[in-house]
Amino acid sequence: MTRVLFDTSVLVAAMLEEHPHHSECFAWLQRVISEEIEGLISIHSIAELYSVLTRFPRSPRINPGLAQQLLRQNLNKFEKVALTVEDYEATVAKIRWFNRAGGT
């Protein structure tokens, strides 16, 4: 099965319908939920995702309880992983190889 490491930018867009990239990112989230692919998320990204969801400029704001509920509902099929320094370095190298800028 294909394993995909998700970052905060994809998951924020997947969880917020008003996000301009919602459709594309939600499709990837659905692939994990349906077990078509295996989703991975770093422990750091879980904390970052909570932070972004509770500060996202929308009205009404997502309160801490709702943010936690969104994390539980959407990440329950994800494998949670702790990334090493080497993992981060390899990820940056791969992103550079694809000639992608941050946040894209």
Protein backbone atom coordinates (compact mmCIF):
# COMPACT_ATOMS: atom_id res chain seq x y z
CA MET A 1 0.00 0.00 0.00
CA THR A 2 1.21 3.50 -0.78
CA ARG A 3 2.27 5.47 2.29
CA VAL A 4 1.91 9.26 2.21
CA LEU A 5 3.23 11.68 4.83
CA PHE A 6 0.75 14.57 5.18
CA ASP A 7 1.77 18.02 6.32
CA THR A 8 -0.23 20.75 7.99
CA SER A 9 -0.90 22.76 4.84
CA VAL A 10 -2.69 19.84 3.16
CA LEU A 11 -4.71 18.91 6.24
CA VAL A 12 -5.81 22.48 6.99
CA ALA A 13 -7.08 22.80 3.43
CA ALA A 14 -8.77 19.39 3.63
CA MET A 15 -10.61 20.26 6.86
CA LEU A 16 -11.75 23.78 5.96
CA GLU A 17 -14.30 23.97 3.16
CA GLU A 18 -13.61 27.66 2.57
CA HIS A 19 -9.93 27.01 1.85
CA PRO A 20 -9.09 27.59 -1.85
CA HIS A 21 -7.42 24.14 -2.11
CA HIS A 22 -10.10 22.26 -0.17
CA SER A 23 -11.34 19.99 -2.97
CA GLU A 24 -7.93 18.72 -3.99
CA CYS A 25 -6.72 18.22 -0.41
CA PHE A 26 -9.99 16.72 0.83
CA ALA A 27 -9.69 14.08 -1.89
CA TRP A 28 -6.33 13.02 -0.43
CA LEU A 29 -7.78 12.90 3.08
CA GLN A 30 -10.65 10.74 1.81
CA ARG A 31 -8.14 8.30 0.30
CA VAL A 32 -6.71 7.75 3.79
CA ILE A 33 -10.13 7.45 5.44
CA SER A 34 -11.21 4.88 2.82
CA GLU A 35 -7.88 3.05 3.34
CA GLU A 36 -6.91 3.42 -0.32
CA ILE A 37 -3.57 4.80 0.90
CA GLU A 38 -1.84 4.77 4.27
CA GLY A 39 -1.65 8.25 5.78
CA LEU A 40 1.15 9.26 8.08
CA ILE A 41 1.41 12.42 10.14
CA SER A 42 4.26 13.62 12.29
CA ILE A 43 3.57 14.34 15.93
CA HIS A 44 4.82 17.89 15.33
CA SER A 45 2.25 18.34 12.55
CA ILE A 46 -0.59 17.34 14.89
CA ALA A 47 0.33 20.15 17.29
CA GLU A 48 0.82 22.57 14.41
CA LEU A 49 -2.52 21.60 12.87
CA TYR A 50 -4.32 22.27 16.17
CA SER A 51 -2.60 25.65 16.41
CA VAL A 52 -3.49 26.69 12.86
CA LEU A 53 -7.11 25.52 13.12
CA THR A 54 -7.71 27.52 16.31
CA ARG A 55 -6.11 30.68 14.85
CA PHE A 56 -7.43 30.46 11.28
CA PRO A 57 -9.00 33.79 10.27
CA ARG A 58 -12.62 32.82 9.89
CA SER A 59 -15.87 33.67 11.56
CA PRO A 60 -16.77 32.03 13.77
CA ARG A 61 -13.34 30.91 14.93
CA ILE A 62 -12.75 27.21 15.52
CA ASN A 63 -12.71 26.81 19.28
CA PRO A 64 -10.28 24.41 21.00
CA GLY A 65 -12.94 21.75 21.55
CA LEU A 66 -13.98 21.71 17.90
CA ALA A 67 -10.34 21.66 16.79
CA GLN A 68 -9.68 18.60 18.95
CA GLN A 69 -12.82 16.93 17.55
CA LEU A 70 -11.67 17.64 13.97
CA LEU A 71 -8.29 16.08 14.74
CA ARG A 72 -9.87 12.96 16.25
CA GLN A 73 -12.35 12.50 13.40
CA ASN A 74 -9.95 13.14 10.55
CA LEU A 75 -6.72 11.63 11.84
CA ASN A 76 -7.96 8.38 13.39
CA LYS A 77 -6.73 6.32 10.40
CA PHE A 78 -3.33 8.04 10.28
CA GLU A 79 -0.17 6.49 11.61
CA LYS A 80 1.46 8.99 13.97
CA VAL A 81 5.23 9.17 13.58
CA ALA A 82 8.11 11.00 15.24
CA LEU A 83 10.44 12.36 12.58
CA THR A 84 14.19 12.49 12.99
CA VAL A 85 16.57 15.19 11.85
CA GLU A 86 17.47 12.92 8.94
CA ASP A 87 13.80 12.63 7.97
CA TYR A 88 13.45 16.43 7.81
CA GLU A 89 16.65 16.76 5.78
CA ALA A 90 15.51 14.06 3.33
CA THR A 91 12.12 15.75 2.97
CA VAL A 92 13.68 19.11 2.17
CA ALA A 93 15.98 17.43 -0.36
CA LYS A 94 13.01 15.73 -2.03
CA ILE A 95 11.02 18.98 -2.15
CA ARG A 96 14.01 20.72 -3.70
CA TRP A 97 14.39 17.90 -6.21
CA PHE A 98 10.77 18.49 -7.31
CA ASN A 99 11.62 22.23 -7.47
CA ARG A 100 8.76 23.08 -5.12
CA ALA A 101 8.66 26.09 -2.82
CA GLY A 102 7.49 25.89 0.78
CA GLY A 103 3.75 25.79 1.39
CA THR A 104 2.91 24.46 -2.08
